[in-house]
Amino acid sequence: MSLLPEQRVLTTLHTVALAVQALVRSGVPAERVLEGSGITESELANPARLVSHAQELRVLANAYGYSRDAALGLSLGKCMHVSAYGMLGYTMLASRTLGEALQLAIAHPALLGTYFQLSLQTVGDEVRLSADGYRYAPEMTVFNTELCLVSLLTVVQDLLGETIRPRRLLLSYRSPLHAASYGEKLGCPVEFAAGSNALCFNPVLLDRPLPLADPVSHQHGLQQCLQLEAQFH
């Protein structure tokens, strides 16, 4: 019996743990958020525990269903700091420039745990950090797009050590009912039904040196990332 794509791909528990923590703070018991996922609350503290995208999607769907926040994807994305990505995150911090760090993340999607195909593209006078190719639960498209793009913005800000605002945010879907939350949480213009999903920046930002760059730590971290990714596959 062949497995679905979301059953084949493995990822870490960081997104699941974050969703559970957020809902517990709002008064929803952890077991409700984890219901049907096959993940127990005691496993959330186990760094070696890997879960499938199907399990993670179940937890995110539960979280969204129990939450009263229509913009939960945006809120969770702002909490997804670079340290949540383990060795990949620390290796990104040790990269020379922002562009090098982002290319590292794009090259290791399994460690990033993304449902999207990420890319960096220069279009006209801007660079786009794009997230396309979503092929999982269609009813979670908006939520997962919000989570992905806002978490990427949070990582960019963590890497640079300052609050950077995109020039604009492009989204492939139509304006949702909570559209006003985008401007409030991202602080930039938003274009819906844009045909793609992307954070748009000034291209010079990619050449910005990172404050925590360290070539030795970066090389060591890269080797560790390759070994971890082999385990995921």
C-alpha atoms as a PDB file:
ATOM      1  CA  MET A   1       0.000   0.000   0.000  1.00  0.00           C
ATOM      2  CA  SER A   2       1.549   3.298  -1.085  1.00  0.00           C
ATOM      3  CA  LEU A   3       1.731   6.214   1.322  1.00  0.00           C
ATOM      4  CA  LEU A   4       0.388   9.690   0.648  1.00  0.00           C
ATOM      5  CA  PRO A   5       3.006  12.497   0.398  1.00  0.00           C
ATOM      6  CA  GLU A   6       2.036  13.861   3.821  1.00  0.00           C
ATOM      7  CA  GLN A   7       2.578  10.408   5.328  1.00  0.00           C
ATOM      8  CA  ARG A   8       6.027   9.928   3.784  1.00  0.00           C
ATOM      9  CA  VAL A   9       7.634  13.223   4.805  1.00  0.00           C
ATOM     10  CA  LEU A  10       9.012  13.440   8.344  1.00  0.00           C
ATOM     11  CA  THR A  11       9.685  16.571  10.336  1.00  0.00           C
ATOM     12  CA  THR A  12      10.562  17.667  13.867  1.00  0.00           C
ATOM     13  CA  LEU A  13       8.097  18.456  16.640  1.00  0.00           C
ATOM     14  CA  HIS A  14       8.812  22.200  16.840  1.00  0.00           C
ATOM     15  CA  THR A  15       5.662  23.375  15.019  1.00  0.00           C
ATOM     16  CA  VAL A  16       3.459  20.893  16.881  1.00  0.00           C
ATOM     17  CA  ALA A  17       4.898  21.967  20.237  1.00  0.00           C
ATOM     18  CA  LEU A  18       4.407  25.644  19.384  1.00  0.00           C
ATOM     19  CA  ALA A  19       0.766  25.094  18.412  1.00  0.00           C
ATOM     20  CA  VAL A  20       0.082  23.138  21.593  1.00  0.00           C
ATOM     21  CA  GLN A  21       1.707  25.820  23.770  1.00  0.00           C
ATOM     22  CA  ALA A  22      -0.320  28.572  22.116  1.00  0.00           C
ATOM     23  CA  LEU A  23      -3.641  26.779  22.608  1.00  0.00           C
ATOM     24  CA  VAL A  24      -2.830  25.754  26.178  1.00  0.00           C
ATOM     25  CA  ARG A  25      -2.223  29.433  27.000  1.00  0.00           C
ATOM     26  CA  SER A  26      -5.723  30.192  25.700  1.00  0.00           C
ATOM     27  CA  GLY A  27      -7.236  27.471  27.897  1.00  0.00           C
ATOM     28  CA  VAL A  28      -7.460  24.512  25.501  1.00  0.00           C
ATOM     29  CA  PRO A  29      -6.072  21.244  26.974  1.00  0.00           C
ATOM     30  CA  ALA A  30      -3.046  19.788  25.179  1.00  0.00           C
ATOM     31  CA  GLU A  31      -4.773  16.450  24.608  1.00  0.00           C
ATOM     32  CA  ARG A  32      -7.473  18.154  22.542  1.00  0.00           C
ATOM     33  CA  VAL A  33      -4.923  19.807  20.283  1.00  0.00           C
ATOM     34  CA  LEU A  34      -3.119  16.474  19.853  1.00  0.00           C
ATOM     35  CA  GLU A  35      -6.308  14.440  19.344  1.00  0.00           C
ATOM     36  CA  GLY A  36      -6.085  12.021  16.411  1.00  0.00           C
ATOM     37  CA  SER A  37      -2.419  12.778  15.692  1.00  0.00           C
ATOM     38  CA  GLY A  38      -0.835   9.806  17.437  1.00  0.00           C
ATOM     39  CA  ILE A  39       1.391  12.212  19.401  1.00  0.00           C
ATOM     40  CA  THR A  40       1.308  12.275  23.198  1.00  0.00           C
ATOM     41  CA  GLU A  41       1.920  15.291  25.392  1.00  0.00           C
ATOM     42  CA  SER A  42       4.927  13.599  27.014  1.00  0.00           C
ATOM     43  CA  GLU A  43       6.603  13.253  23.611  1.00  0.00           C
ATOM     44  CA  LEU A  44       6.654  17.002  22.998  1.00  0.00           C
ATOM     45  CA  ALA A  45       9.856  17.353  25.035  1.00  0.00           C
ATOM     46  CA  ASN A  46      11.670  14.606  23.091  1.00  0.00           C
ATOM     47  CA  PRO A  47      14.009  16.242  20.529  1.00  0.00           C
ATOM     48  CA  ALA A  48      14.564  12.920  18.755  1.00  0.00           C
ATOM     49  CA  ARG A  49      10.850  12.358  18.049  1.00  0.00           C
ATOM     50  CA  LEU A  50       9.980  12.812  14.392  1.00  0.00           C
ATOM     51  CA  VAL A  51       6.424  13.091  13.084  1.00  0.00           C
ATOM     52  CA  SER A  52       4.878  12.962   9.632  1.00  0.00           C
ATOM     53  CA  HIS A  53       3.373  15.970   7.916  1.00  0.00           C
ATOM     54  CA  ALA A  54       0.012  14.205   8.228  1.00  0.00           C
ATOM     55  CA  GLN A  55       0.370  14.155  12.027  1.00  0.00           C
ATOM     56  CA  GLU A  56       1.467  17.782  12.099  1.00  0.00           C
ATOM     57  CA  LEU A  57      -1.442  18.801   9.848  1.00  0.00           C
ATOM     58  CA  ARG A  58      -3.876  17.096  12.206  1.00  0.00           C
ATOM     59  CA  VAL A  59      -2.506  19.085  15.157  1.00  0.00           C
ATOM     60  CA  LEU A  60      -2.639  22.366  13.217  1.00  0.00           C
ATOM     61  CA  ALA A  61      -6.209  21.660  12.094  1.00  0.00           C
ATOM     62  CA  ASN A  62      -7.183  20.924  15.698  1.00  0.00           C
ATOM     63  CA  ALA A  63      -5.497  24.106  16.896  1.00  0.00           C
ATOM     64  CA  TYR A  64      -7.251  26.207  14.285  1.00  0.00           C
ATOM     65  CA  GLY A  65     -10.578  24.568  15.067  1.00  0.00           C
ATOM     66  CA  TYR A  66     -10.318  25.218  18.809  1.00  0.00           C
ATOM     67  CA  SER A  67      -8.841  28.700  18.472  1.00  0.00           C
ATOM     68  CA  ARG A  68     -11.031  31.789  18.392  1.00  0.00           C
ATOM     69  CA  ASP A  69      -8.331  33.623  16.455  1.00  0.00           C
ATOM     70  CA  ALA A  70      -8.977  33.639  12.693  1.00  0.00           C
ATOM     71  CA  ALA A  71      -5.423  34.947  12.260  1.00  0.00           C
ATOM     72  CA  LEU A  72      -3.838  32.076  14.218  1.00  0.00           C
ATOM     73  CA  GLY A  73      -1.479  31.275  11.335  1.00  0.00           C
ATOM     74  CA  LEU A  74      -0.086  34.808  11.476  1.00  0.00           C
ATOM     75  CA  SER A  75       0.247  34.681  15.267  1.00  0.00           C
ATOM     76  CA  LEU A  76       2.052  31.337  15.281  1.00  0.00           C
ATOM     77  CA  GLY A  77       4.366  32.502  12.496  1.00  0.00           C
ATOM     78  CA  LYS A  78       5.549  35.416  14.626  1.00  0.00           C
ATOM     79  CA  CYS A  79       6.530  32.894  17.334  1.00  0.00           C
ATOM     80  CA  MET A  80       8.578  30.667  14.992  1.00  0.00           C
ATOM     81  CA  HIS A  81      12.021  32.040  15.800  1.00  0.00           C
ATOM     82  CA  VAL A  82      15.171  30.805  14.101  1.00  0.00           C
ATOM     83  CA  SER A  83      16.158  28.831  17.215  1.00  0.00           C
ATOM     84  CA  ALA A  84      13.070  26.614  16.703  1.00  0.00           C
ATOM     85  CA  TYR A  85      14.759  24.989  13.708  1.00  0.00           C
ATOM     86  CA  GLY A  86      17.519  23.367  15.715  1.00  0.00           C
ATOM     87  CA  MET A  87      20.825  22.793  13.940  1.00  0.00           C
ATOM     88  CA  LEU A  88      19.544  24.375  10.733  1.00  0.00           C
ATOM     89  CA  GLY A  89      18.657  27.547  12.612  1.00  0.00           C
ATOM     90  CA  TYR A  90      22.032  27.797  14.322  1.00  0.00           C
ATOM     91  CA  THR A  91      23.841  27.165  11.043  1.00  0.00           C
ATOM     92  CA  MET A  92      21.810  29.938   9.439  1.00  0.00           C
ATOM     93  CA  LEU A  93      22.824  32.295  12.253  1.00  0.00           C
ATOM     94  CA  ALA A  94      26.498  31.476  11.564  1.00  0.00           C
ATOM     95  CA  SER A  95      26.172  32.216   7.821  1.00  0.00           C
ATOM     96  CA  ARG A  96      28.067  35.131   6.270  1.00  0.00           C
ATOM     97  CA  THR A  97      25.108  36.985   4.789  1.00  0.00           C
ATOM     98  CA  LEU A  98      21.336  36.922   4.844  1.00  0.00           C
ATOM     99  CA  GLY A  99      21.290  35.587   1.296  1.00  0.00           C
ATOM    100  CA  GLU A 100      23.586  32.689   2.222  1.00  0.00           C
ATOM    101  CA  ALA A 101      21.412  31.831   5.228  1.00  0.00           C
ATOM    102  CA  LEU A 102      18.201  31.830   3.186  1.00  0.00           C
ATOM    103  CA  GLN A 103      19.759  29.688   0.455  1.00  0.00           C
ATOM    104  CA  LEU A 104      20.779  27.224   3.165  1.00  0.00           C
ATOM    105  CA  ALA A 105      17.174  26.967   4.359  1.00  0.00           C
ATOM    106  CA  ILE A 106      15.897  26.548   0.800  1.00  0.00           C
ATOM    107  CA  ALA A 107      18.415  23.752   0.202  1.00  0.00           C
ATOM    108  CA  HIS A 108      17.209  21.810   3.279  1.00  0.00           C
ATOM    109  CA  PRO A 109      13.381  21.868   3.201  1.00  0.00           C
ATOM    110  CA  ALA A 110      13.128  18.702   5.315  1.00  0.00           C
ATOM    111  CA  LEU A 111      14.894  20.422   8.224  1.00  0.00           C
ATOM    112  CA  LEU A 112      12.779  23.524   7.729  1.00  0.00           C
ATOM    113  CA  GLY A 113       9.643  21.398   7.814  1.00  0.00           C
ATOM    114  CA  THR A 114       7.882  23.412   5.122  1.00  0.00           C
ATOM    115  CA  TYR A 115       4.888  22.326   3.012  1.00  0.00           C
ATOM    116  CA  PHE A 116       5.997  24.675   0.241  1.00  0.00           C
ATOM    117  CA  GLN A 117       8.667  24.922  -2.436  1.00  0.00           C
ATOM    118  CA  LEU A 118      10.753  27.917  -1.401  1.00  0.00           C
ATOM    119  CA  SER A 119      12.840  30.040  -3.744  1.00  0.00           C
ATOM    120  CA  LEU A 120      14.653  33.376  -3.979  1.00  0.00           C
ATOM    121  CA  GLN A 121      13.960  35.281  -7.186  1.00  0.00           C
ATOM    122  CA  THR A 122      14.982  38.719  -8.368  1.00  0.00           C
ATOM    123  CA  VAL A 123      12.055  40.349 -10.144  1.00  0.00           C
ATOM    124  CA  GLY A 124      12.600  43.884 -11.341  1.00  0.00           C
ATOM    125  CA  ASP A 125      13.920  45.980  -8.475  1.00  0.00           C
ATOM    126  CA  GLU A 126      12.992  43.550  -5.703  1.00  0.00           C
ATOM    127  CA  VAL A 127      13.895  40.098  -4.468  1.00  0.00           C
ATOM    128  CA  ARG A 128      11.079  37.684  -3.676  1.00  0.00           C
ATOM    129  CA  LEU A 129      11.233  34.970  -1.067  1.00  0.00           C
ATOM    130  CA  SER A 130       8.510  32.778  -2.571  1.00  0.00           C
ATOM    131  CA  ALA A 131       6.514  29.876  -1.149  1.00  0.00           C
ATOM    132  CA  ASP A 132       4.582  27.942  -3.784  1.00  0.00           C
ATOM    133  CA  GLY A 133       3.623  24.368  -4.700  1.00  0.00           C
ATOM    134  CA  TYR A 134       1.390  23.684  -1.687  1.00  0.00           C
ATOM    135  CA  ARG A 135      -0.208  20.238  -2.152  1.00  0.00           C
ATOM    136  CA  TYR A 136      -1.597  19.240   1.212  1.00  0.00           C
ATOM    137  CA  ALA A 137      -4.955  19.782   2.971  1.00  0.00           C
ATOM    138  CA  PRO A 138      -6.747  22.383   0.803  1.00  0.00           C
ATOM    139  CA  GLU A 139      -8.910  23.606   3.688  1.00  0.00           C
ATOM    140  CA  MET A 140      -5.682  24.633   5.477  1.00  0.00           C
ATOM    141  CA  THR A 141      -4.187  26.540   2.542  1.00  0.00           C
ATOM    142  CA  VAL A 142      -4.646  30.040   3.983  1.00  0.00           C
ATOM    143  CA  PHE A 143      -3.558  29.018   7.485  1.00  0.00           C
ATOM    144  CA  ASN A 144      -0.420  27.222   6.291  1.00  0.00           C
ATOM    145  CA  THR A 145       0.522  30.008   3.876  1.00  0.00           C
ATOM    146  CA  GLU A 146       0.236  32.540   6.686  1.00  0.00           C
ATOM    147  CA  LEU A 147       2.299  30.353   9.003  1.00  0.00           C
ATOM    148  CA  CYS A 148       4.988  29.791   6.370  1.00  0.00           C
ATOM    149  CA  LEU A 149       5.479  33.384   5.211  1.00  0.00           C
ATOM    150  CA  VAL A 150       5.267  35.024   8.625  1.00  0.00           C
ATOM    151  CA  SER A 151       7.668  32.466  10.110  1.00  0.00           C
ATOM    152  CA  LEU A 152      10.106  33.219   7.264  1.00  0.00           C
ATOM    153  CA  LEU A 153       9.846  36.926   8.055  1.00  0.00           C
ATOM    154  CA  THR A 154      10.463  36.167  11.740  1.00  0.00           C
ATOM    155  CA  VAL A 155      13.589  34.196  10.785  1.00  0.00           C
ATOM    156  CA  VAL A 156      14.854  37.067   8.597  1.00  0.00           C
ATOM    157  CA  GLN A 157      14.415  39.476  11.496  1.00  0.00           C
ATOM    158  CA  ASP A 158      16.160  37.099  13.903  1.00  0.00           C
ATOM    159  CA  LEU A 159      19.099  36.631  11.526  1.00  0.00           C
ATOM    160  CA  LEU A 160      19.622  40.365  11.084  1.00  0.00           C
ATOM    161  CA  GLY A 161      18.899  41.215  14.702  1.00  0.00           C
ATOM    162  CA  GLU A 162      16.420  43.939  13.821  1.00  0.00           C
ATOM    163  CA  THR A 163      12.804  44.452  12.788  1.00  0.00           C
ATOM    164  CA  ILE A 164      12.848  44.423   9.003  1.00  0.00           C
ATOM    165  CA  ARG A 165       9.641  45.094   7.119  1.00  0.00           C
ATOM    166  CA  PRO A 166       9.060  43.698   3.616  1.00  0.00           C
ATOM    167  CA  ARG A 167       8.262  46.090   0.809  1.00  0.00           C
ATOM    168  CA  ARG A 168       5.059  44.136   0.272  1.00  0.00           C
ATOM    169  CA  LEU A 169       3.471  40.712   0.724  1.00  0.00           C
ATOM    170  CA  LEU A 170       2.033  38.817  -2.246  1.00  0.00           C
ATOM    171  CA  LEU A 171      -0.646  36.166  -1.693  1.00  0.00           C
ATOM    172  CA  SER A 172      -2.213  33.863  -4.267  1.00  0.00           C
ATOM    173  CA  TYR A 173      -5.622  33.642  -2.585  1.00  0.00           C
ATOM    174  CA  ARG A 174      -8.430  36.144  -2.232  1.00  0.00           C
ATOM    175  CA  SER A 175      -8.711  38.466   0.729  1.00  0.00           C
ATOM    176  CA  PRO A 176      -9.957  36.543   3.818  1.00  0.00           C
ATOM    177  CA  LEU A 177     -12.287  38.004   6.419  1.00  0.00           C
ATOM    178  CA  HIS A 178      -9.355  38.727   8.734  1.00  0.00           C
ATOM    179  CA  ALA A 179      -7.380  40.584   6.033  1.00  0.00           C
ATOM    180  CA  ALA A 180      -6.891  43.618   8.295  1.00  0.00           C
ATOM    181  CA  SER A 181      -4.687  41.487  10.557  1.00  0.00           C
ATOM    182  CA  TYR A 182      -2.026  41.189   7.846  1.00  0.00           C
ATOM    183  CA  GLY A 183      -1.108  44.853   7.875  1.00  0.00           C
ATOM    184  CA  GLU A 184      -1.239  44.966  11.657  1.00  0.00           C
ATOM    185  CA  LYS A 185       1.121  42.014  12.133  1.00  0.00           C
ATOM    186  CA  LEU A 186       3.466  42.481   9.164  1.00  0.00           C
ATOM    187  CA  GLY A 187       3.528  46.249   8.796  1.00  0.00           C
ATOM    188  CA  CYS A 188       3.628  46.225   5.005  1.00  0.00           C
ATOM    189  CA  PRO A 189       1.234  46.476   2.031  1.00  0.00           C
ATOM    190  CA  VAL A 190      -0.525  43.216   1.100  1.00  0.00           C
ATOM    191  CA  GLU A 191      -1.675  42.177  -2.383  1.00  0.00           C
ATOM    192  CA  PHE A 192      -4.221  39.358  -2.540  1.00  0.00           C
ATOM    193  CA  ALA A 193      -4.988  37.239  -5.637  1.00  0.00           C
ATOM    194  CA  ALA A 194      -1.438  37.994  -6.768  1.00  0.00           C
ATOM    195  CA  GLY A 195      -0.814  34.611  -8.411  1.00  0.00           C
ATOM    196  CA  SER A 196       2.001  33.677  -6.022  1.00  0.00           C
ATOM    197  CA  ASN A 197       2.990  33.833  -2.353  1.00  0.00           C
ATOM    198  CA  ALA A 198       6.065  35.924  -1.589  1.00  0.00           C
ATOM    199  CA  LEU A 199       7.770  38.314   0.782  1.00  0.00           C
ATOM    200  CA  CYS A 200       9.289  41.127  -1.304  1.00  0.00           C
ATOM    201  CA  PHE A 201      12.464  42.918  -0.180  1.00  0.00           C
ATOM    202  CA  ASN A 202      15.106  45.312  -1.406  1.00  0.00           C
ATOM    203  CA  PRO A 203      17.760  43.089  -3.110  1.00  0.00           C
ATOM    204  CA  VAL A 204      20.613  44.742  -1.181  1.00  0.00           C
ATOM    205  CA  LEU A 205      19.250  43.065   1.948  1.00  0.00           C
ATOM    206  CA  LEU A 206      20.635  39.702   0.782  1.00  0.00           C
ATOM    207  CA  ASP A 207      24.205  41.058   0.989  1.00  0.00           C
ATOM    208  CA  ARG A 208      23.806  42.206   4.585  1.00  0.00           C
ATOM    209  CA  PRO A 209      26.440  40.517   6.821  1.00  0.00           C
ATOM    210  CA  LEU A 210      24.969  38.630   9.758  1.00  0.00           C
ATOM    211  CA  PRO A 211      26.049  39.757  13.256  1.00  0.00           C
ATOM    212  CA  LEU A 212      26.685  36.185  14.491  1.00  0.00           C
ATOM    213  CA  ALA A 213      28.540  34.925  11.389  1.00  0.00           C
ATOM    214  CA  ASP A 214      31.247  32.355  12.099  1.00  0.00           C
ATOM    215  CA  PRO A 215      32.809  30.307   9.254  1.00  0.00           C
ATOM    216  CA  VAL A 216      33.974  27.408  11.443  1.00  0.00           C
ATOM    217  CA  SER A 217      30.612  27.013  13.178  1.00  0.00           C
ATOM    218  CA  HIS A 218      28.854  27.355   9.827  1.00  0.00           C
ATOM    219  CA  GLN A 219      30.876  24.543   8.252  1.00  0.00           C
ATOM    220  CA  HIS A 220      30.413  22.268  11.253  1.00  0.00           C
ATOM    221  CA  GLY A 221      26.680  23.012  11.304  1.00  0.00           C
ATOM    222  CA  LEU A 222      26.361  22.297   7.613  1.00  0.00           C
ATOM    223  CA  GLN A 223      27.835  18.825   8.116  1.00  0.00           C
ATOM    224  CA  GLN A 224      25.387  18.185  10.953  1.00  0.00           C
ATOM    225  CA  CYS A 225      22.474  19.342   8.768  1.00  0.00           C
ATOM    226  CA  LEU A 226      23.423  16.887   6.046  1.00  0.00           C
ATOM    227  CA  GLN A 227      23.520  14.034   8.536  1.00  0.00           C
ATOM    228  CA  LEU A 228      20.157  14.986  10.024  1.00  0.00           C
ATOM    229  CA  GLU A 229      18.536  15.289   6.625  1.00  0.00           C
ATOM    230  CA  ALA A 230      19.751  11.796   5.748  1.00  0.00           C
ATOM    231  CA  GLN A 231      17.930  10.513   8.840  1.00  0.00           C
ATOM    232  CA  PHE A 232      14.722  12.262   7.758  1.00  0.00           C
ATOM    233  CA  HIS A 233      14.784  10.536   4.395  1.00  0.00           C
END
